Amino acid sequence: MGHVRGLRLLAGAAVALSLVACGGANGERPKTASSTPGKAYSRDPYPSTYHRYPGVPTLVRNVTVFDGEGGRIDNGSVLFADGKIVAIGQTLDAPAGASVVDGQGKWITPGVIDIHSHLGDYPSPGIRALSDGNEATAPVTADVWAEHSVWPQDPGFGRALANGGVTALQILPGSANLFGGRSVVLKNVYARTTQAMKFPGAPYGLKMACGENPKRVYGSKGREPSTRMGNIAVDRATWAKAQTYKRKWDKYERDGGDQPERDIAMDTLRGVLAGEIRVQNHCYRADEMATVLDMAKEFGYHVTAFHHAVEAYKIADLLKANDTCAAVWADWYGFKMESYDGIGANLALLEKAGACAMIHSDDANGIQRLNQEVAKALSAGRRAGIDIPDAVAWKWLSLNPARALGIDNQTGSLKPGKMADVVLWNGNPFSVYTRPEKVWVDGALLYDANDPKRRPVSDFELGQPGSGDVK
């Protein structure tokens, strides 16, 4: 039975993909993620082939709206069509032929965006044969790209969509290395290839890491780095090499002559120095984050976000001054020395200081309940006397991660013209009892809790308990 259903699902997916390959309902063909022509470091040899699934004009009314930018509308309505948000307000009329959803007693929000995920690279089942997230063979592996390990059939993608309302996510290499490689931003859609999931136009990221992980991994092999000062020494030597590489290529592209030798790792670092690739830096301690910010100034690059950042509250003013975001957990700390000094009010203190802050998962289970993680962070802040409104806190789940990924002009809030990445929750989304009822990506209904035909199941799981095939 599972095998038959799997064939049907694959056939249906092929039909759907063929439809959207022709441009969907309106013949639109989104731009790919290719960058400036002629620049080897930024040109994507594996460009996005993402095309949105076709949807229908939809009006959700009588619902509490969190717009993702801090606004709240009670008894509100959201209208979307042709893959975009059309309008939000209290009294909106449905166009002819639109699907109308009564959201009485429910909430609607932008889709959740997880800036730190390893889905596809560390998929389920979590066995060694599928462990492809860490190229732990050298402290500098800027040549690897996370997208080349992503397995689109990872059941975690569907679970994140259905249980967590996640509509976009960044897949990062692991944190064994000082320079872990390129990240990739995906839309959480069903696809046969990674290229068909790649968020159109999203910049690449560079995963870097501070602290215990690289010094433990490589110090245990009797090589540099084995200390924090060794970490920075290798970082600085690598950035100095990247500056030289960039000067050679800049001169060649400006003046011509003999073409310099291509270095795939240096291509990525050149992209960072040119401001086209964003640094996403694993770092726990406040002092190390400050050191990295100094190093970034020394070599002329910008740190987009520190991830985990359990001590970010200590340097909130410094992060704000450097326009560097902090992606944090609600209460996941104390499991090793560098994560010992975390506090539950971290997010609230960052928000109070005016810094860019957000929640993240780094976990295949945590990604399914990031809304509940924000609820914990809100509660901790209020106990500390920092009362942040629920609607403002939704920025930690959508707009701020979109900003740090460079896609906030396309998604992250319910504003006209942005992608209709939308979640209808069956209650207050900060309640432990609440689940997504419907999830739309680009206005296409990809999950409906009330429709068994719109519940995500990886064909890898067909015939397994919980898939619906086993009675």
Protein backbone atom coordinates (compact mmCIF):
# COMPACT_ATOMS: atom_id res chain seq x y z
CA MET A 1 0.00 0.00 0.00
CA GLY A 2 2.78 2.41 0.95
CA HIS A 3 4.66 1.63 -2.27
CA VAL A 4 1.58 2.37 -4.38
CA ARG A 5 0.88 5.57 -2.55
CA GLY A 6 4.52 6.56 -2.90
CA LEU A 7 4.30 6.14 -6.68
CA ARG A 8 1.15 8.24 -6.72
CA LEU A 9 2.75 10.96 -4.66
CA LEU A 10 5.80 11.04 -6.88
CA ALA A 11 3.63 11.14 -9.98
CA GLY A 12 1.54 13.93 -8.48
CA ALA A 13 4.66 15.83 -7.54
CA ALA A 14 5.96 15.48 -11.10
CA VAL A 15 2.71 16.89 -12.47
CA ALA A 16 2.78 19.78 -10.00
CA LEU A 17 6.39 20.51 -10.77
CA SER A 18 5.72 20.45 -14.48
CA LEU A 19 2.92 22.96 -13.96
CA VAL A 20 5.06 25.34 -11.97
CA ALA A 21 7.97 24.85 -14.37
CA CYS A 22 5.75 26.53 -16.93
CA GLY A 23 5.40 29.48 -14.57
CA GLY A 24 2.39 28.49 -12.48
CA ALA A 25 -0.91 30.25 -12.85
CA ASN A 26 0.39 33.51 -14.27
CA GLY A 27 3.39 32.43 -16.35
CA GLU A 28 5.74 34.22 -13.96
CA ARG A 29 9.32 32.95 -13.89
CA PRO A 30 11.15 34.12 -10.74
CA LYS A 31 14.72 35.31 -10.98
CA THR A 32 17.43 32.88 -9.97
CA ALA A 33 20.06 33.40 -7.31
CA SER A 34 22.78 34.25 -9.85
CA SER A 35 24.93 37.24 -8.91
CA THR A 36 26.96 39.72 -10.92
CA PRO A 37 28.07 38.16 -14.24
CA GLY A 38 31.77 37.53 -14.64
CA LYS A 39 32.57 37.26 -10.93
CA ALA A 40 33.60 33.70 -10.19
CA TYR A 41 33.11 34.04 -6.44
CA SER A 42 29.47 35.06 -6.65
CA ARG A 43 28.20 33.39 -9.80
CA ASP A 44 26.11 30.36 -8.85
CA PRO A 45 26.87 27.32 -11.01
CA TYR A 46 23.84 25.64 -9.38
CA PRO A 47 21.21 28.38 -9.69
CA SER A 48 17.76 28.18 -8.20
CA THR A 49 15.15 26.45 -10.34
CA TYR A 50 12.48 27.28 -7.79
CA HIS A 51 9.03 27.96 -9.20
CA ARG A 52 6.10 28.51 -6.93
CA TYR A 53 3.27 26.04 -6.68
CA PRO A 54 0.07 27.54 -8.10
CA GLY A 55 -2.46 28.74 -5.54
CA VAL A 56 -5.85 30.39 -5.63
CA PRO A 57 -6.87 33.87 -4.41
CA THR A 58 -7.53 33.49 -0.70
CA LEU A 59 -9.15 35.67 1.96
CA VAL A 60 -8.72 34.74 5.63
CA ARG A 61 -11.07 36.82 7.77
CA ASN A 62 -12.28 37.22 11.39
CA VAL A 63 -8.79 36.42 12.61
CA THR A 64 -6.18 37.99 14.91
CA VAL A 65 -3.29 39.18 12.73
CA PHE A 66 0.36 39.50 13.73
CA ASP A 67 1.85 41.27 10.70
CA GLY A 68 5.45 40.29 11.55
CA GLU A 69 6.61 43.88 11.91
CA GLY A 70 5.16 44.43 15.38
CA GLY A 71 1.60 45.22 14.35
CA ARG A 72 -1.55 43.49 15.55
CA ILE A 73 -5.03 43.62 14.03
CA ASP A 74 -7.95 42.15 15.96
CA ASN A 75 -10.85 40.78 13.93
CA GLY A 76 -8.66 41.26 10.89
CA SER A 77 -8.38 39.90 7.38
CA VAL A 78 -5.54 38.94 5.04
CA LEU A 79 -5.97 38.69 1.27
CA PHE A 80 -3.41 37.08 -1.01
CA ALA A 81 -3.35 36.15 -4.69
CA ASP A 82 -0.83 35.27 -7.41
CA GLY A 83 1.67 34.25 -4.73
CA LYS A 84 1.71 37.68 -3.04
CA ILE A 85 0.07 39.46 -0.13
CA VAL A 86 -2.54 41.82 -1.57
CA ALA A 87 -3.92 43.54 1.52
CA ILE A 88 -4.40 43.26 5.28
CA GLY A 89 -6.99 45.10 7.35
CA GLN A 90 -10.28 44.69 9.15
CA THR A 91 -12.76 44.85 6.29
CA LEU A 92 -11.59 43.29 3.06
CA ASP A 93 -13.75 41.97 0.26
CA ALA A 94 -13.05 38.66 -1.42
CA PRO A 95 -12.56 38.82 -5.19
CA ALA A 96 -14.69 36.60 -7.39
CA GLY A 97 -13.66 32.97 -7.18
CA ALA A 98 -11.53 33.42 -4.07
CA SER A 99 -11.26 30.80 -1.34
CA VAL A 100 -12.63 32.31 1.88
CA VAL A 101 -11.44 30.98 5.24
CA ASP A 102 -13.23 31.94 8.45
CA GLY A 103 -10.57 32.35 11.12
CA GLN A 104 -12.86 33.03 14.07
CA GLY A 105 -10.88 32.42 17.26
CA LYS A 106 -7.66 31.83 15.32
CA TRP A 107 -4.44 33.73 14.59
CA ILE A 108 -2.61 34.40 11.33
CA THR A 109 1.09 35.23 11.02
CA PRO A 110 3.92 35.29 8.49
CA GLY A 111 5.59 31.92 8.07
CA VAL A 112 8.34 31.07 10.53
CA ILE A 113 11.91 31.44 9.21
CA ASP A 114 14.67 29.43 10.88
CA ILE A 115 18.09 30.98 10.30
CA HIS A 116 19.98 28.00 11.73
CA SER A 117 19.04 24.53 10.53
CA HIS A 118 20.83 21.40 9.37
CA LEU A 119 17.81 19.66 7.84
CA GLY A 120 18.78 17.71 4.76
CA ASP A 121 22.45 17.68 5.82
CA TYR A 122 21.74 15.85 9.09
CA PRO A 123 18.44 14.24 8.08
CA SER A 124 16.26 11.65 9.75
CA PRO A 125 16.99 8.88 10.39
CA GLY A 126 20.09 10.21 12.11
CA ILE A 127 22.59 7.58 11.06
CA ARG A 128 26.23 7.87 10.02
CA ALA A 129 25.43 7.15 6.37
CA LEU A 130 23.29 10.31 6.25
CA SER A 131 25.58 12.54 8.36
CA ASP A 132 26.79 15.08 5.80
CA GLY A 133 26.91 18.39 7.66
CA ASN A 134 30.52 18.65 8.89
CA GLU A 135 33.54 18.35 6.63
CA ALA A 136 35.72 17.86 9.72
CA THR A 137 38.97 17.26 7.85
CA ALA A 138 40.61 20.70 8.15
CA PRO A 139 39.94 23.88 10.16
CA VAL A 140 39.34 25.82 6.92
CA THR A 141 36.83 24.23 4.54
CA ALA A 142 35.39 27.32 2.88
CA ASP A 143 35.28 25.30 -0.34
CA VAL A 144 32.31 23.14 0.71
CA TRP A 145 28.69 24.16 0.13
CA ALA A 146 25.88 22.90 2.35
CA GLU A 147 23.52 22.58 -0.62
CA HIS A 148 25.64 19.76 -2.02
CA SER A 149 24.67 17.62 0.98
CA VAL A 150 20.96 18.53 1.23
CA TRP A 151 18.64 15.53 0.85
CA PRO A 152 15.23 16.91 -0.20
CA GLN A 153 13.45 13.78 1.05
CA ASP A 154 14.42 14.48 4.67
CA PRO A 155 11.16 13.96 6.64
CA GLY A 156 12.21 16.90 8.80
CA PHE A 157 11.17 19.40 6.13
CA GLY A 158 7.54 18.25 6.21
CA ARG A 159 7.50 18.11 9.99
CA ALA A 160 8.85 21.66 10.22
CA LEU A 161 6.10 22.83 7.85
CA ALA A 162 3.22 20.99 9.51
CA ASN A 163 4.19 21.24 13.17
CA GLY A 164 6.10 24.50 13.19
CA GLY A 165 4.75 26.63 10.35
CA VAL A 166 8.28 26.97 8.92
CA THR A 167 8.18 28.33 5.37
CA ALA A 168 11.87 29.17 4.85
CA LEU A 169 15.15 28.12 6.45
CA GLN A 170 18.91 28.45 6.14
CA ILE A 171 20.87 25.20 5.93
CA LEU A 172 24.36 25.59 7.38
CA PRO A 173 27.43 23.38 7.51
CA GLY A 174 28.30 22.19 11.03
CA SER A 175 30.57 23.97 13.50
CA ALA A 176 33.64 21.73 13.66
CA ASN A 177 35.61 24.18 11.53
CA LEU A 178 36.65 27.81 11.77
CA PHE A 179 35.44 28.24 8.18
CA GLY A 180 32.75 25.62 7.64
CA GLY A 181 31.63 26.52 4.13
CA ARG A 182 28.70 28.11 2.35
CA SER A 183 25.14 28.00 3.62
CA VAL A 184 22.02 27.96 1.46
CA VAL A 185 18.54 29.44 1.99
CA LEU A 186 15.61 27.20 1.07
CA LYS A 187 11.88 27.57 0.81
CA ASN A 188 10.15 24.74 2.61
CA VAL A 189 8.46 23.20 -0.41
CA TYR A 190 8.31 19.68 -1.76
CA ALA A 191 10.86 19.18 -4.52
CA ARG A 192 13.01 16.51 -6.09
CA THR A 193 16.20 18.60 -6.11
CA THR A 194 17.88 21.09 -3.83
CA GLN A 195 17.96 23.64 -6.65
CA ALA A 196 14.16 23.51 -6.80
CA MET A 197 14.02 24.44 -3.09
CA LYS A 198 16.53 27.31 -3.21
CA PHE A 199 15.03 30.64 -2.23
CA PRO A 200 15.08 32.83 -5.35
CA GLY A 201 17.56 35.67 -5.04
CA ALA A 202 18.76 34.82 -1.52
CA PRO A 203 22.43 35.64 -0.85
CA TYR A 204 24.79 32.88 0.21
CA GLY A 205 26.16 32.72 3.74
CA LEU A 206 29.56 31.69 5.11
CA LYS A 207 29.45 29.54 8.23
CA MET A 208 32.22 30.35 10.70
CA ALA A 209 32.78 29.11 14.25
CA CYS A 210 34.47 30.35 17.41
CA GLY A 211 35.48 28.73 20.62
CA GLU A 212 35.46 25.17 21.83
CA ASN A 213 34.44 23.24 18.74
CA PRO A 214 37.32 23.98 16.34
CA LYS A 215 39.99 23.98 19.06
CA ARG A 216 38.73 20.65 20.41
CA VAL A 217 38.36 18.97 17.02
CA TYR A 218 41.75 19.99 15.66
CA GLY A 219 43.70 20.27 18.90
CA SER A 220 42.83 16.63 19.52
CA LYS A 221 44.57 15.84 16.22
CA GLY A 222 47.76 17.57 17.35
CA ARG A 223 47.43 20.50 14.98
CA GLU A 224 46.53 24.17 15.08
CA PRO A 225 44.20 25.41 16.43
CA SER A 226 44.18 23.94 19.90
CA THR A 227 43.43 27.19 21.75
CA ARG A 228 41.26 30.25 21.29
CA MET A 229 44.30 32.28 20.28
CA GLY A 230 45.05 29.55 17.74
CA ASN A 231 41.53 29.95 16.39
CA ILE A 232 42.05 33.64 15.76
CA ALA A 233 45.54 33.09 14.35
CA VAL A 234 44.22 30.69 11.71
CA ASP A 235 41.28 33.01 11.00
CA ARG A 236 43.56 36.00 10.46
CA ALA A 237 46.00 34.10 8.24
CA THR A 238 43.08 32.89 6.14
CA TRP A 239 41.57 36.36 5.78
CA ALA A 240 44.97 37.78 4.82
CA LYS A 241 45.22 35.16 2.07
CA ALA A 242 41.69 36.02 0.96
CA GLN A 243 42.58 39.72 0.70
CA THR A 244 45.52 38.89 -1.56
CA TYR A 245 43.33 36.63 -3.68
CA LYS A 246 40.70 39.35 -4.01
CA ARG A 247 43.28 41.96 -5.08
CA LYS A 248 44.57 39.66 -7.83
CA TRP A 249 41.11 38.97 -9.20
CA ASP A 250 39.97 42.58 -8.88
CA LYS A 251 43.02 43.68 -10.87
CA TYR A 252 42.42 41.01 -13.51
CA GLU A 253 38.76 41.97 -13.93
CA ARG A 254 39.70 45.64 -14.08
CA ASP A 255 42.83 45.55 -16.26
CA GLY A 256 42.86 42.13 -17.94
CA GLY A 257 46.08 40.15 -18.42
CA ASP A 258 46.79 36.64 -17.20
CA GLN A 259 43.89 35.11 -15.32
CA PRO A 260 44.78 34.21 -11.71
CA GLU A 261 44.49 30.60 -10.62
CA ARG A 262 41.01 29.75 -9.34
CA ASP A 263 40.62 28.70 -5.68
CA ILE A 264 37.11 27.56 -4.76
CA ALA A 265 37.55 28.27 -1.04
CA MET A 266 38.96 31.74 -1.71
CA ASP A 267 36.06 32.45 -4.08
CA THR A 268 33.73 32.26 -1.09
CA LEU A 269 35.92 34.46 1.10
CA ARG A 270 36.33 36.97 -1.72
CA GLY A 271 32.54 37.09 -1.89
CA VAL A 272 32.44 37.92 1.82
CA LEU A 273 35.03 40.69 1.43
CA ALA A 274 32.99 42.09 -1.47
CA GLY A 275 29.87 42.20 0.71
CA GLU A 276 27.95 39.64 -1.36
CA ILE A 277 28.16 36.65 1.00
CA ARG A 278 26.95 36.97 4.59
CA VAL A 279 28.92 35.76 7.60
CA GLN A 280 26.88 33.54 9.92
CA ASN A 281 29.14 32.97 12.94
CA HIS A 282 28.69 30.25 15.59
CA CYS A 283 29.85 31.95 18.82
CA TYR A 284 28.79 31.71 22.46
CA ARG A 285 30.87 34.04 24.64
CA ALA A 286 30.60 37.82 24.65
CA ASP A 287 34.38 38.34 24.68
CA GLU A 288 34.84 36.13 21.62
CA MET A 289 32.08 37.90 19.73
CA ALA A 290 33.80 41.21 20.48
CA THR A 291 37.12 39.81 19.23
CA VAL A 292 35.49 38.62 16.01
CA LEU A 293 33.94 42.05 15.46
CA ASP A 294 37.41 43.58 15.80
CA MET A 295 38.83 41.03 13.35
CA ALA A 296 36.05 41.84 10.88
CA LYS A 297 37.06 45.50 10.99
CA GLU A 298 40.73 44.56 10.52
CA PHE A 299 40.01 42.65 7.31
CA GLY A 300 37.06 44.63 6.00
CA TYR A 301 34.09 42.29 6.26
CA HIS A 302 30.81 42.38 8.16
CA VAL A 303 29.44 39.80 10.59
CA THR A 304 25.76 39.45 9.76
CA ALA A 305 24.81 37.34 12.76
CA PHE A 306 26.22 35.47 15.71
CA HIS A 307 24.45 32.15 16.22
CA HIS A 308 23.74 30.61 19.64
CA ALA A 309 25.17 33.79 21.22
CA VAL A 310 24.17 32.82 24.76
CA GLU A 311 26.07 35.83 26.16
CA ALA A 312 24.76 38.32 23.60
CA TYR A 313 22.88 40.19 26.33
CA LYS A 314 26.26 41.31 27.74
CA ILE A 315 27.16 43.18 24.54
CA ALA A 316 23.75 44.15 23.15
CA ASP A 317 24.95 47.73 22.63
CA LEU A 318 28.02 46.52 20.73
CA LEU A 319 25.92 44.30 18.49
CA LYS A 320 23.56 47.16 17.75
CA ALA A 321 26.44 49.52 16.95
CA ASN A 322 27.91 46.99 14.50
CA ASP A 323 24.55 46.15 12.90
CA THR A 324 25.11 42.50 13.84
CA CYS A 325 22.20 40.25 14.74
CA ALA A 326 22.02 37.57 17.42
CA ALA A 327 20.27 34.26 16.74
CA VAL A 328 19.66 32.56 20.08
CA TRP A 329 17.79 29.83 21.92
CA ALA A 330 15.22 30.48 24.63
CA ASP A 331 16.85 28.41 27.36
CA TRP A 332 19.28 25.94 25.80
CA TYR A 333 22.55 26.56 27.62
CA GLY A 334 24.84 25.14 30.31
CA PHE A 335 25.79 22.02 28.37
CA LYS A 336 29.45 23.07 27.99
CA MET A 337 31.63 25.75 29.53
CA GLU A 338 31.26 28.37 26.80
CA SER A 339 27.48 28.12 27.04
CA TYR A 340 27.37 28.23 30.83
CA ASP A 341 26.42 31.89 31.33
CA GLY A 342 23.12 31.94 29.45
CA ILE A 343 19.94 33.51 30.78
CA GLY A 344 16.30 33.16 29.75
CA ALA A 345 15.88 36.91 29.26
CA ASN A 346 18.57 37.05 26.54
CA LEU A 347 16.12 37.77 23.70
CA ALA A 348 14.14 40.30 25.71
CA LEU A 349 17.27 42.20 26.76
CA LEU A 350 18.49 42.32 23.14
CA GLU A 351 15.10 43.66 22.01
CA LYS A 352 15.08 46.26 24.79
CA ALA A 353 18.52 47.45 23.68
CA GLY A 354 17.33 47.83 20.09
CA ALA A 355 19.56 45.05 18.74
CA CYS A 356 18.51 42.71 15.95
CA ALA A 357 17.55 39.43 17.64
CA MET A 358 15.78 36.22 16.69
CA ILE A 359 15.08 32.65 17.74
CA HIS A 360 16.73 29.71 15.98
CA SER A 361 16.64 25.95 16.32
CA ASP A 362 19.86 24.09 15.36
CA ASP A 363 17.72 21.02 15.94
CA ALA A 364 15.34 18.82 13.92
CA ASN A 365 12.85 18.73 16.79
CA GLY A 366 13.24 22.31 17.98
CA ILE A 367 12.41 23.65 14.52
CA GLN A 368 8.92 22.21 15.01
CA ARG A 369 8.13 24.44 17.98
CA LEU A 370 9.98 27.72 17.58
CA ASN A 371 6.77 29.58 18.41
CA GLN A 372 6.80 27.89 21.82
CA GLU A 373 10.47 28.78 22.27
CA VAL A 374 9.58 32.44 21.75
CA ALA A 375 6.78 32.07 24.29
CA LYS A 376 9.37 30.91 26.84
CA ALA A 377 11.65 33.83 25.99
CA LEU A 378 8.75 36.27 26.36
CA SER A 379 7.86 34.83 29.74
CA ALA A 380 11.46 35.05 30.95
CA GLY A 381 11.64 38.67 29.84
CA ARG A 382 8.43 39.56 31.62
CA ARG A 383 9.67 37.96 34.81
CA ALA A 384 12.70 40.24 34.48
CA GLY A 385 10.44 43.26 34.06
CA ILE A 386 10.71 43.54 30.26
CA ASP A 387 7.18 43.37 28.88
CA ILE A 388 7.43 42.89 25.13
CA PRO A 389 4.08 42.64 23.28
CA ASP A 390 3.34 39.34 21.56
CA ALA A 391 3.04 41.01 18.16
CA VAL A 392 6.48 42.58 18.52
CA ALA A 393 7.99 39.23 19.49
CA TRP A 394 6.82 37.71 16.21
CA LYS A 395 9.67 39.66 14.57
CA TRP A 396 11.99 37.14 16.25
CA LEU A 397 10.34 34.41 14.17
CA SER A 398 9.99 36.02 10.77
CA LEU A 399 11.16 39.54 9.93
CA ASN A 400 14.48 39.56 11.79
CA PRO A 401 15.69 36.22 10.39
CA ALA A 402 14.55 37.40 6.95
CA ARG A 403 16.61 40.56 7.44
CA ALA A 404 19.70 38.58 8.47
CA LEU A 405 19.29 36.36 5.40
CA GLY A 406 18.86 39.31 3.04
CA ILE A 407 15.33 38.30 2.01
CA ASP A 408 13.25 40.73 4.09
CA ASN A 409 12.22 42.61 0.93
CA GLN A 410 10.50 39.40 -0.22
CA THR A 411 9.17 37.69 2.89
CA GLY A 412 9.05 37.88 6.70
CA SER A 413 5.95 40.04 7.13
CA LEU A 414 2.39 40.31 5.87
CA LYS A 415 2.89 43.38 3.71
CA PRO A 416 1.39 43.90 0.25
CA GLY A 417 3.75 42.76 -2.46
CA LYS A 418 5.65 40.27 -0.31
CA MET A 419 5.47 36.50 -0.79
CA ALA A 420 2.31 34.99 0.66
CA ASP A 421 4.16 32.78 3.17
CA VAL A 422 1.37 32.53 5.73
CA VAL A 423 0.35 30.39 8.71
CA LEU A 424 -3.14 30.09 10.18
CA TRP A 425 -2.85 28.87 13.79
CA ASN A 426 -5.77 27.15 15.54
CA GLY A 427 -5.28 29.37 18.59
CA ASN A 428 -2.85 31.83 20.11
CA PRO A 429 0.50 30.84 18.54
CA PHE A 430 2.27 31.36 21.86
CA SER A 431 0.20 28.68 23.55
CA VAL A 432 1.62 25.19 24.03
CA TYR A 433 -1.73 23.81 22.85
CA THR A 434 -1.66 25.59 19.47
CA ARG A 435 -0.73 24.00 16.15
CA PRO A 436 -0.69 25.24 12.57
CA GLU A 437 -4.04 24.61 10.91
CA LYS A 438 -3.06 25.74 7.41
CA VAL A 439 0.26 26.75 5.88
CA TRP A 440 0.58 28.58 2.56
CA VAL A 441 3.88 29.06 0.73
CA ASP A 442 3.67 31.66 -2.05
CA GLY A 443 -0.09 31.53 -1.59
CA ALA A 444 -0.25 27.78 -2.32
CA LEU A 445 -1.87 25.70 0.42
CA LEU A 446 0.80 23.10 1.22
CA TYR A 447 -0.54 21.94 4.60
CA ASP A 448 -4.07 21.61 5.94
CA ALA A 449 -4.64 19.83 9.25
CA ASN A 450 -8.21 19.10 8.19
CA ASP A 451 -7.34 17.58 4.81
CA PRO A 452 -5.41 14.28 4.80
CA LYS A 453 -4.37 14.96 1.19
CA ARG A 454 -2.48 18.08 2.30
CA ARG A 455 -0.37 16.60 5.06
CA PRO A 456 3.33 16.36 4.25
CA VAL A 457 4.78 12.86 4.16
CA SER A 458 8.22 12.15 2.75
CA ASP A 459 8.07 9.19 0.40
CA PHE A 460 10.96 7.86 2.48
CA GLU A 461 8.44 7.39 5.32
CA LEU A 462 5.59 5.85 3.34
CA GLY A 463 4.34 2.67 4.93
CA GLN A 464 5.85 3.62 8.31
CA PRO A 465 3.86 4.24 11.49
CA GLY A 466 2.50 7.76 11.45
CA SER A 467 2.48 8.10 7.67
CA GLY A 468 -1.21 7.28 7.36
CA ASP A 469 -0.53 4.11 5.38
CA VAL A 470 -0.33 1.82 8.40
CA LYS A 471 -3.61 1.19 10.16
